[in-house]
Amino acid sequence: MKRSILEGRPELAAVIGEVAEVAGYLWQKGWAERNGGNITVNVTEWMDEECRNLPAIAPAKPIGKVLPNLKGKYFYAKGTGKRMRDLARCPMENGAIIRICDDCQSYEIIADVPVAPTSELPSHLVLQDYLIGSDSGYKATLHTHPIELVAMSHIRRFLKPGEMTHVLWSMIPETLAFAPLGIGIVPYDLPGSVRLADATLEQIKDYDVVLWEKHGTVAVGTDIMDAFDQTDVLCKAANIYICARSMGEEPEGMTDEAMKEVQEVFNLPKKRN
């Protein structure tokens, strides 16, 4: 039996283990129906010389864009058609480690099995290219389907710039404290399209979590748990809002003065950089 790339590499195994842990949370929350959702993590720093010399186990495939900051980089990516609940149990059978080729516009799978990456890989890699190029220190991208946030995206009011962020921040102080950049909005577009990737990139320049209208969220973070936590915090606020509305009233929310106080006390950033 072929030796897994994780064997003898405890740090890499820990990163992939955290991916599996988050995948389990997504399934438990109902955010990852069937094969819904995707995860991509930059694992370049844990690739030793032996890893870098591993041959491709499948033909190189095009990304669809030239991404110069990704030359020679390595990523773990969930497989297309794979379920999060299965990834939680067996991450290296439901995802793969890929290497970006020297042309910066194609990739090849190096481990463990030739599982084709998510169909939304171009969107993820466009974001990863930006995150590396901007020295953000962020390594993870997460796409999932948080029920309450997607529900709110069906209401035209919440698609106005800043409106959803203001409402979510006002529901509970922790939302402002732990998701200080709020949430960006991308109008509906075809899943997996380059147009969607480009629109998401523009929003990620100002937000760590972006909501795709009538679809789901994309979050970036220092690691996959960070990306999950920010999404979870915002979805909790959305749940509070919807619960309050179900009682027949528009929730009052925190005042602007109260929210400003939280920002000042916690010295919260208004932009990533």
C-alpha atoms as a PDB file:
ATOM      1  CA  MET A   1       0.000   0.000   0.000  1.00  0.00           C
ATOM      2  CA  LYS A   2       1.303   3.451  -0.937  1.00  0.00           C
ATOM      3  CA  ARG A   3       2.629   5.522   1.957  1.00  0.00           C
ATOM      4  CA  SER A   4       0.583   8.634   2.757  1.00  0.00           C
ATOM      5  CA  ILE A   5       2.296  12.000   2.432  1.00  0.00           C
ATOM      6  CA  LEU A   6       1.160  12.660   6.025  1.00  0.00           C
ATOM      7  CA  GLU A   7       3.275   9.844   7.476  1.00  0.00           C
ATOM      8  CA  GLY A   8       6.318  11.185   9.298  1.00  0.00           C
ATOM      9  CA  ARG A   9       5.123  14.784   8.862  1.00  0.00           C
ATOM     10  CA  PRO A  10       3.268  15.652  12.091  1.00  0.00           C
ATOM     11  CA  GLU A  11       2.838  19.356  11.304  1.00  0.00           C
ATOM     12  CA  LEU A  12       1.285  18.666   7.903  1.00  0.00           C
ATOM     13  CA  ALA A  13      -0.864  15.926   9.448  1.00  0.00           C
ATOM     14  CA  ALA A  14      -2.081  18.401  12.090  1.00  0.00           C
ATOM     15  CA  VAL A  15      -3.114  20.916   9.418  1.00  0.00           C
ATOM     16  CA  ILE A  16      -5.018  18.279   7.449  1.00  0.00           C
ATOM     17  CA  GLY A  17      -6.514  17.003  10.718  1.00  0.00           C
ATOM     18  CA  GLU A  18      -7.861  20.479  11.423  1.00  0.00           C
ATOM     19  CA  VAL A  19      -9.395  20.553   7.939  1.00  0.00           C
ATOM     20  CA  ALA A  20     -11.111  17.256   8.723  1.00  0.00           C
ATOM     21  CA  GLU A  21     -12.354  18.642  12.048  1.00  0.00           C
ATOM     22  CA  VAL A  22     -13.878  21.707  10.377  1.00  0.00           C
ATOM     23  CA  ALA A  23     -15.441  19.543   7.665  1.00  0.00           C
ATOM     24  CA  GLY A  24     -17.223  17.628  10.422  1.00  0.00           C
ATOM     25  CA  TYR A  25     -18.530  20.864  11.955  1.00  0.00           C
ATOM     26  CA  LEU A  26     -19.879  21.994   8.563  1.00  0.00           C
ATOM     27  CA  TRP A  27     -21.815  18.747   8.165  1.00  0.00           C
ATOM     28  CA  GLN A  28     -23.146  18.836  11.724  1.00  0.00           C
ATOM     29  CA  LYS A  29     -24.404  22.393  11.252  1.00  0.00           C
ATOM     30  CA  GLY A  30     -26.251  21.511   8.056  1.00  0.00           C
ATOM     31  CA  TRP A  31     -24.012  23.802   6.008  1.00  0.00           C
ATOM     32  CA  ALA A  32     -22.665  21.028   3.760  1.00  0.00           C
ATOM     33  CA  GLU A  33     -25.502  19.082   2.172  1.00  0.00           C
ATOM     34  CA  ARG A  34     -24.410  16.270  -0.154  1.00  0.00           C
ATOM     35  CA  ASN A  35     -21.112  17.488  -1.677  1.00  0.00           C
ATOM     36  CA  GLY A  36     -21.721  21.156  -0.872  1.00  0.00           C
ATOM     37  CA  GLY A  37     -18.847  23.409   0.129  1.00  0.00           C
ATOM     38  CA  ASN A  38     -15.126  23.544  -0.519  1.00  0.00           C
ATOM     39  CA  ILE A  39     -11.874  23.996   1.375  1.00  0.00           C
ATOM     40  CA  THR A  40      -8.424  25.023   0.144  1.00  0.00           C
ATOM     41  CA  VAL A  41      -5.391  25.473   2.419  1.00  0.00           C
ATOM     42  CA  ASN A  42      -1.899  26.644   1.520  1.00  0.00           C
ATOM     43  CA  VAL A  43       0.409  23.888   2.816  1.00  0.00           C
ATOM     44  CA  THR A  44       3.615  25.049   1.097  1.00  0.00           C
ATOM     45  CA  GLU A  45       5.562  25.658   4.317  1.00  0.00           C
ATOM     46  CA  TRP A  46       5.127  22.008   5.350  1.00  0.00           C
ATOM     47  CA  MET A  47       6.452  20.580   2.058  1.00  0.00           C
ATOM     48  CA  ASP A  48       9.959  19.182   2.595  1.00  0.00           C
ATOM     49  CA  GLU A  49      12.431  18.309  -0.160  1.00  0.00           C
ATOM     50  CA  GLU A  50      11.009  14.813  -0.595  1.00  0.00           C
ATOM     51  CA  CYS A  51       7.511  16.256  -1.072  1.00  0.00           C
ATOM     52  CA  ARG A  52       8.761  18.793  -3.605  1.00  0.00           C
ATOM     53  CA  ASN A  53      10.307  16.009  -5.661  1.00  0.00           C
ATOM     54  CA  LEU A  54       7.185  13.871  -5.754  1.00  0.00           C
ATOM     55  CA  PRO A  55       6.000  13.190  -9.309  1.00  0.00           C
ATOM     56  CA  ALA A  56       2.502  14.117 -10.433  1.00  0.00           C
ATOM     57  CA  ILE A  57      -0.018  11.274 -10.142  1.00  0.00           C
ATOM     58  CA  ALA A  58      -2.390  12.751 -12.733  1.00  0.00           C
ATOM     59  CA  PRO A  59      -1.996  14.947 -15.824  1.00  0.00           C
ATOM     60  CA  ALA A  60      -1.711  18.682 -15.234  1.00  0.00           C
ATOM     61  CA  LYS A  61      -4.972  20.615 -15.512  1.00  0.00           C
ATOM     62  CA  PRO A  62      -5.522  24.303 -16.390  1.00  0.00           C
ATOM     63  CA  ILE A  63      -6.691  26.785 -13.754  1.00  0.00           C
ATOM     64  CA  GLY A  64      -8.181  29.240 -16.244  1.00  0.00           C
ATOM     65  CA  LYS A  65      -6.113  32.214 -15.091  1.00  0.00           C
ATOM     66  CA  VAL A  66      -2.436  33.101 -14.727  1.00  0.00           C
ATOM     67  CA  LEU A  67      -1.649  33.467 -11.009  1.00  0.00           C
ATOM     68  CA  PRO A  68       2.014  34.522 -10.646  1.00  0.00           C
ATOM     69  CA  ASN A  69       2.132  34.462  -6.833  1.00  0.00           C
ATOM     70  CA  LEU A  70       1.279  30.743  -6.797  1.00  0.00           C
ATOM     71  CA  LYS A  71       4.312  29.457  -8.720  1.00  0.00           C
ATOM     72  CA  GLY A  72       5.606  26.351  -6.956  1.00  0.00           C
ATOM     73  CA  LYS A  73       3.038  26.588  -4.162  1.00  0.00           C
ATOM     74  CA  TYR A  74       1.194  23.595  -2.686  1.00  0.00           C
ATOM     75  CA  PHE A  75      -2.418  23.365  -1.555  1.00  0.00           C
ATOM     76  CA  TYR A  76      -4.720  20.858   0.035  1.00  0.00           C
ATOM     77  CA  ALA A  77      -8.061  20.995  -1.797  1.00  0.00           C
ATOM     78  CA  LYS A  78     -11.324  19.146  -1.211  1.00  0.00           C
ATOM     79  CA  GLY A  79     -12.218  16.869  -4.102  1.00  0.00           C
ATOM     80  CA  THR A  80     -15.000  17.630  -6.537  1.00  0.00           C
ATOM     81  CA  GLY A  81     -18.154  15.672  -5.776  1.00  0.00           C
ATOM     82  CA  LYS A  82     -16.813  14.678  -2.349  1.00  0.00           C
ATOM     83  CA  ARG A  83     -18.877  15.025   0.821  1.00  0.00           C
ATOM     84  CA  MET A  84     -17.690  16.976   3.862  1.00  0.00           C
ATOM     85  CA  ARG A  85     -18.886  14.178   6.135  1.00  0.00           C
ATOM     86  CA  ASP A  86     -16.579  11.779   4.272  1.00  0.00           C
ATOM     87  CA  LEU A  87     -13.700  14.258   4.271  1.00  0.00           C
ATOM     88  CA  ALA A  88     -14.066  14.480   8.057  1.00  0.00           C
ATOM     89  CA  ARG A  89     -13.312  10.747   8.280  1.00  0.00           C
ATOM     90  CA  CYS A  90     -10.816  10.338   5.454  1.00  0.00           C
ATOM     91  CA  PRO A  91      -9.353  13.683   4.308  1.00  0.00           C
ATOM     92  CA  MET A  92      -6.710  12.239   1.977  1.00  0.00           C
ATOM     93  CA  GLU A  93      -9.261  10.085   0.156  1.00  0.00           C
ATOM     94  CA  ASN A  94     -11.683  12.964  -0.327  1.00  0.00           C
ATOM     95  CA  GLY A  95      -9.170  15.659  -1.132  1.00  0.00           C
ATOM     96  CA  ALA A  96      -5.672  15.969  -2.550  1.00  0.00           C
ATOM     97  CA  ILE A  97      -2.488  17.960  -2.347  1.00  0.00           C
ATOM     98  CA  ILE A  98      -1.786  19.860  -5.551  1.00  0.00           C
ATOM     99  CA  ARG A  99       1.268  21.689  -6.855  1.00  0.00           C
ATOM    100  CA  ILE A 100       0.999  24.819  -8.996  1.00  0.00           C
ATOM    101  CA  CYS A 101       3.090  24.401 -12.145  1.00  0.00           C
ATOM    102  CA  ASP A 102       5.818  26.796 -13.265  1.00  0.00           C
ATOM    103  CA  ASP A 103       3.501  28.319 -15.888  1.00  0.00           C
ATOM    104  CA  CYS A 104       1.355  29.651 -12.997  1.00  0.00           C
ATOM    105  CA  GLN A 105      -1.801  28.645 -14.865  1.00  0.00           C
ATOM    106  CA  SER A 106      -2.034  24.904 -14.286  1.00  0.00           C
ATOM    107  CA  TYR A 107      -1.736  22.438 -11.420  1.00  0.00           C
ATOM    108  CA  GLU A 108      -0.907  18.787 -10.833  1.00  0.00           C
ATOM    109  CA  ILE A 109      -1.901  16.373  -8.071  1.00  0.00           C
ATOM    110  CA  ILE A 110       0.980  14.914  -6.062  1.00  0.00           C
ATOM    111  CA  ALA A 111      -0.767  13.116  -3.150  1.00  0.00           C
ATOM    112  CA  ASP A 112      -2.343  10.930  -1.941  1.00  0.00           C
ATOM    113  CA  VAL A 113      -4.763   9.791  -4.665  1.00  0.00           C
ATOM    114  CA  PRO A 114      -5.812  11.434  -7.961  1.00  0.00           C
ATOM    115  CA  VAL A 115      -8.923  13.117  -6.584  1.00  0.00           C
ATOM    116  CA  ALA A 116      -9.864  16.011  -8.882  1.00  0.00           C
ATOM    117  CA  PRO A 117     -10.083  19.252  -6.851  1.00  0.00           C
ATOM    118  CA  THR A 118     -13.301  21.184  -6.372  1.00  0.00           C
ATOM    119  CA  SER A 119     -14.904  22.744  -9.460  1.00  0.00           C
ATOM    120  CA  GLU A 120     -14.556  26.085  -7.663  1.00  0.00           C
ATOM    121  CA  LEU A 121     -10.770  25.724  -7.441  1.00  0.00           C
ATOM    122  CA  PRO A 122     -10.232  28.782  -9.721  1.00  0.00           C
ATOM    123  CA  SER A 123     -12.139  30.979  -7.249  1.00  0.00           C
ATOM    124  CA  HIS A 124     -10.100  29.629  -4.339  1.00  0.00           C
ATOM    125  CA  LEU A 125      -6.759  30.004  -6.121  1.00  0.00           C
ATOM    126  CA  VAL A 126      -7.518  33.552  -7.257  1.00  0.00           C
ATOM    127  CA  LEU A 127      -8.036  34.402  -3.598  1.00  0.00           C
ATOM    128  CA  GLN A 128      -4.901  32.527  -2.541  1.00  0.00           C
ATOM    129  CA  ASP A 129      -2.892  34.439  -5.157  1.00  0.00           C
ATOM    130  CA  TYR A 130      -4.129  37.720  -3.685  1.00  0.00           C
ATOM    131  CA  LEU A 131      -3.542  36.621  -0.082  1.00  0.00           C
ATOM    132  CA  ILE A 132       0.072  35.704  -0.867  1.00  0.00           C
ATOM    133  CA  GLY A 133       0.671  38.809  -2.959  1.00  0.00           C
ATOM    134  CA  SER A 134      -0.655  41.113  -0.242  1.00  0.00           C
ATOM    135  CA  ASP A 135       1.430  39.440   2.512  1.00  0.00           C
ATOM    136  CA  SER A 136      -1.756  38.843   4.484  1.00  0.00           C
ATOM    137  CA  GLY A 137      -0.482  35.752   6.293  1.00  0.00           C
ATOM    138  CA  TYR A 138      -3.787  34.056   5.455  1.00  0.00           C
ATOM    139  CA  LYS A 139      -3.589  30.434   4.290  1.00  0.00           C
ATOM    140  CA  ALA A 140      -7.156  29.096   4.199  1.00  0.00           C
ATOM    141  CA  THR A 141     -10.236  29.616   2.052  1.00  0.00           C
ATOM    142  CA  LEU A 142     -13.595  28.135   2.998  1.00  0.00           C
ATOM    143  CA  HIS A 143     -16.790  27.990   0.959  1.00  0.00           C
ATOM    144  CA  THR A 144     -19.896  26.703   2.709  1.00  0.00           C
ATOM    145  CA  HIS A 145     -23.685  27.172   2.844  1.00  0.00           C
ATOM    146  CA  PRO A 146     -24.648  28.766   6.202  1.00  0.00           C
ATOM    147  CA  ILE A 147     -28.430  28.516   6.284  1.00  0.00           C
ATOM    148  CA  GLU A 148     -29.367  31.810   7.952  1.00  0.00           C
ATOM    149  CA  LEU A 149     -26.911  33.925   5.969  1.00  0.00           C
ATOM    150  CA  VAL A 150     -28.095  32.444   2.663  1.00  0.00           C
ATOM    151  CA  ALA A 151     -31.697  33.059   3.747  1.00  0.00           C
ATOM    152  CA  MET A 152     -30.946  36.723   4.420  1.00  0.00           C
ATOM    153  CA  SER A 153     -29.418  37.046   0.930  1.00  0.00           C
ATOM    154  CA  HIS A 154     -32.883  36.369  -0.521  1.00  0.00           C
ATOM    155  CA  ILE A 155     -34.080  39.667   0.987  1.00  0.00           C
ATOM    156  CA  ARG A 156     -33.262  42.588  -1.313  1.00  0.00           C
ATOM    157  CA  ARG A 157     -32.712  44.982   1.598  1.00  0.00           C
ATOM    158  CA  PHE A 158     -29.707  43.022   2.835  1.00  0.00           C
ATOM    159  CA  LEU A 159     -27.912  43.188  -0.515  1.00  0.00           C
ATOM    160  CA  LYS A 160     -27.385  46.932  -0.161  1.00  0.00           C
ATOM    161  CA  PRO A 161     -23.765  47.838   0.699  1.00  0.00           C
ATOM    162  CA  GLY A 162     -23.200  47.757   4.465  1.00  0.00           C
ATOM    163  CA  GLU A 163     -26.789  46.866   5.379  1.00  0.00           C
ATOM    164  CA  MET A 164     -26.232  43.233   6.364  1.00  0.00           C
ATOM    165  CA  THR A 165     -23.004  44.056   8.192  1.00  0.00           C
ATOM    166  CA  HIS A 166     -24.769  46.715  10.273  1.00  0.00           C
ATOM    167  CA  VAL A 167     -27.638  44.390  11.209  1.00  0.00           C
ATOM    168  CA  LEU A 168     -25.373  41.456  12.097  1.00  0.00           C
ATOM    169  CA  TRP A 169     -23.020  43.614  14.177  1.00  0.00           C
ATOM    170  CA  SER A 170     -25.981  45.003  16.102  1.00  0.00           C
ATOM    171  CA  MET A 171     -27.304  41.602  17.192  1.00  0.00           C
ATOM    172  CA  ILE A 172     -24.634  40.744  19.769  1.00  0.00           C
ATOM    173  CA  PRO A 173     -21.330  42.435  20.787  1.00  0.00           C
ATOM    174  CA  GLU A 174     -19.243  39.351  19.999  1.00  0.00           C
ATOM    175  CA  THR A 175     -20.122  39.615  16.307  1.00  0.00           C
ATOM    176  CA  LEU A 176     -18.419  42.991  16.070  1.00  0.00           C
ATOM    177  CA  ALA A 177     -15.522  41.801  18.237  1.00  0.00           C
ATOM    178  CA  PHE A 178     -14.809  38.562  16.354  1.00  0.00           C
ATOM    179  CA  ALA A 179     -15.881  39.529  12.815  1.00  0.00           C
ATOM    180  CA  PRO A 180     -14.717  43.176  12.829  1.00  0.00           C
ATOM    181  CA  LEU A 181     -14.613  43.520   9.038  1.00  0.00           C
ATOM    182  CA  GLY A 182     -18.259  42.511   8.631  1.00  0.00           C
ATOM    183  CA  ILE A 183     -19.496  40.718   5.521  1.00  0.00           C
ATOM    184  CA  GLY A 184     -19.134  41.558   1.845  1.00  0.00           C
ATOM    185  CA  ILE A 185     -21.827  40.873  -0.752  1.00  0.00           C
ATOM    186  CA  VAL A 186     -21.401  39.425  -4.251  1.00  0.00           C
ATOM    187  CA  PRO A 187     -24.494  39.452  -6.520  1.00  0.00           C
ATOM    188  CA  TYR A 188     -25.565  36.077  -7.869  1.00  0.00           C
ATOM    189  CA  ASP A 189     -23.392  34.555 -10.588  1.00  0.00           C
ATOM    190  CA  LEU A 190     -22.756  31.094 -11.966  1.00  0.00           C
ATOM    191  CA  PRO A 191     -20.960  28.879  -9.413  1.00  0.00           C
ATOM    192  CA  GLY A 192     -17.404  28.092 -10.472  1.00  0.00           C
ATOM    193  CA  SER A 193     -17.250  30.895 -13.035  1.00  0.00           C
ATOM    194  CA  VAL A 194     -14.268  33.229 -13.486  1.00  0.00           C
ATOM    195  CA  ARG A 195     -16.713  36.153 -13.150  1.00  0.00           C
ATOM    196  CA  LEU A 196     -17.645  34.956  -9.670  1.00  0.00           C
ATOM    197  CA  ALA A 197     -13.984  34.539  -8.756  1.00  0.00           C
ATOM    198  CA  ASP A 198     -13.160  38.082  -9.875  1.00  0.00           C
ATOM    199  CA  ALA A 199     -16.126  39.602  -8.024  1.00  0.00           C
ATOM    200  CA  THR A 200     -15.192  37.704  -4.866  1.00  0.00           C
ATOM    201  CA  LEU A 201     -11.610  38.940  -5.071  1.00  0.00           C
ATOM    202  CA  GLU A 202     -12.774  42.552  -5.105  1.00  0.00           C
ATOM    203  CA  GLN A 203     -14.780  41.982  -1.914  1.00  0.00           C
ATOM    204  CA  ILE A 204     -12.014  40.023  -0.149  1.00  0.00           C
ATOM    205  CA  LYS A 205      -9.819  43.116  -0.386  1.00  0.00           C
ATOM    206  CA  ASP A 206     -12.061  44.646   2.316  1.00  0.00           C
ATOM    207  CA  TYR A 207     -13.736  41.663   4.014  1.00  0.00           C
ATOM    208  CA  ASP A 208     -12.698  38.311   5.464  1.00  0.00           C
ATOM    209  CA  VAL A 209     -16.145  36.800   4.801  1.00  0.00           C
ATOM    210  CA  VAL A 210     -18.094  37.296   1.573  1.00  0.00           C
ATOM    211  CA  LEU A 211     -21.682  36.199   0.927  1.00  0.00           C
ATOM    212  CA  TRP A 212     -22.547  34.921  -2.537  1.00  0.00           C
ATOM    213  CA  GLU A 213     -26.188  35.905  -3.099  1.00  0.00           C
ATOM    214  CA  LYS A 214     -28.556  32.899  -2.862  1.00  0.00           C
ATOM    215  CA  HIS A 215     -25.594  30.510  -2.629  1.00  0.00           C
ATOM    216  CA  GLY A 216     -23.222  30.590   0.341  1.00  0.00           C
ATOM    217  CA  THR A 217     -20.187  32.226   1.893  1.00  0.00           C
ATOM    218  CA  VAL A 218     -16.483  32.397   1.156  1.00  0.00           C
ATOM    219  CA  ALA A 219     -14.181  33.099   4.092  1.00  0.00           C
ATOM    220  CA  VAL A 220     -10.424  33.516   4.380  1.00  0.00           C
ATOM    221  CA  GLY A 221      -8.323  33.107   7.499  1.00  0.00           C
ATOM    222  CA  THR A 222      -4.923  32.410   8.981  1.00  0.00           C
ATOM    223  CA  ASP A 223      -5.978  28.754   9.067  1.00  0.00           C
ATOM    224  CA  ILE A 224      -9.150  26.825   8.320  1.00  0.00           C
ATOM    225  CA  MET A 225     -10.438  27.126  11.906  1.00  0.00           C
ATOM    226  CA  ASP A 226     -10.119  30.913  11.728  1.00  0.00           C
ATOM    227  CA  ALA A 227     -12.129  31.005   8.477  1.00  0.00           C
ATOM    228  CA  PHE A 228     -14.764  28.748  10.052  1.00  0.00           C
ATOM    229  CA  ASP A 229     -14.973  30.794  13.260  1.00  0.00           C
ATOM    230  CA  GLN A 230     -15.642  34.055  11.436  1.00  0.00           C
ATOM    231  CA  THR A 231     -18.380  32.437   9.358  1.00  0.00           C
ATOM    232  CA  ASP A 232     -19.871  30.839  12.466  1.00  0.00           C
ATOM    233  CA  VAL A 233     -19.947  34.145  14.371  1.00  0.00           C
ATOM    234  CA  LEU A 234     -21.749  35.930  11.540  1.00  0.00           C
ATOM    235  CA  CYS A 235     -24.214  33.082  11.104  1.00  0.00           C
ATOM    236  CA  LYS A 236     -24.999  33.142  14.839  1.00  0.00           C
ATOM    237  CA  ALA A 237     -25.907  36.815  14.513  1.00  0.00           C
ATOM    238  CA  ALA A 238     -28.116  36.009  11.504  1.00  0.00           C
ATOM    239  CA  ASN A 239     -29.832  33.298  13.534  1.00  0.00           C
ATOM    240  CA  ILE A 240     -30.519  35.764  16.372  1.00  0.00           C
ATOM    241  CA  TYR A 241     -31.983  38.235  13.874  1.00  0.00           C
ATOM    242  CA  ILE A 242     -34.243  35.618  12.289  1.00  0.00           C
ATOM    243  CA  CYS A 243     -35.374  34.322  15.704  1.00  0.00           C
ATOM    244  CA  ALA A 244     -36.301  37.857  16.783  1.00  0.00           C
ATOM    245  CA  ARG A 245     -38.178  38.474  13.509  1.00  0.00           C
ATOM    246  CA  SER A 246     -40.093  35.233  14.028  1.00  0.00           C
ATOM    247  CA  MET A 247     -41.579  36.786  17.171  1.00  0.00           C
ATOM    248  CA  GLY A 248     -43.275  39.364  14.981  1.00  0.00           C
ATOM    249  CA  GLU A 249     -41.032  42.379  15.565  1.00  0.00           C
ATOM    250  CA  GLU A 250     -38.026  43.935  13.831  1.00  0.00           C
ATOM    251  CA  PRO A 251     -35.236  43.492  16.411  1.00  0.00           C
ATOM    252  CA  GLU A 252     -33.977  46.702  17.952  1.00  0.00           C
ATOM    253  CA  GLY A 253     -30.301  45.786  17.831  1.00  0.00           C
ATOM    254  CA  MET A 254     -27.443  47.589  19.507  1.00  0.00           C
ATOM    255  CA  THR A 255     -27.287  51.342  18.939  1.00  0.00           C
ATOM    256  CA  ASP A 256     -24.571  52.874  16.760  1.00  0.00           C
ATOM    257  CA  GLU A 257     -23.110  54.393  19.931  1.00  0.00           C
ATOM    258  CA  ALA A 258     -22.913  50.997  21.621  1.00  0.00           C
ATOM    259  CA  MET A 259     -21.228  49.454  18.582  1.00  0.00           C
ATOM    260  CA  LYS A 260     -18.734  52.302  18.367  1.00  0.00           C
ATOM    261  CA  GLU A 261     -17.844  51.730  22.011  1.00  0.00           C
ATOM    262  CA  VAL A 262     -17.111  48.057  21.307  1.00  0.00           C
ATOM    263  CA  GLN A 263     -14.879  49.053  18.383  1.00  0.00           C
ATOM    264  CA  GLU A 264     -12.960  51.526  20.524  1.00  0.00           C
ATOM    265  CA  VAL A 265     -12.546  49.261  23.566  1.00  0.00           C
ATOM    266  CA  PHE A 266     -11.315  46.320  21.471  1.00  0.00           C
ATOM    267  CA  ASN A 267      -9.323  48.556  19.062  1.00  0.00           C
ATOM    268  CA  LEU A 268     -10.929  46.741  16.152  1.00  0.00           C
ATOM    269  CA  PRO A 269      -9.644  47.147  12.581  1.00  0.00           C
ATOM    270  CA  LYS A 270     -11.848  48.575   9.853  1.00  0.00           C
ATOM    271  CA  LYS A 271      -9.737  46.958   7.105  1.00  0.00           C
ATOM    272  CA  ARG A 272      -7.397  43.956   6.986  1.00  0.00           C
ATOM    273  CA  ASN A 273      -4.258  45.910   6.112  1.00  0.00           C
END
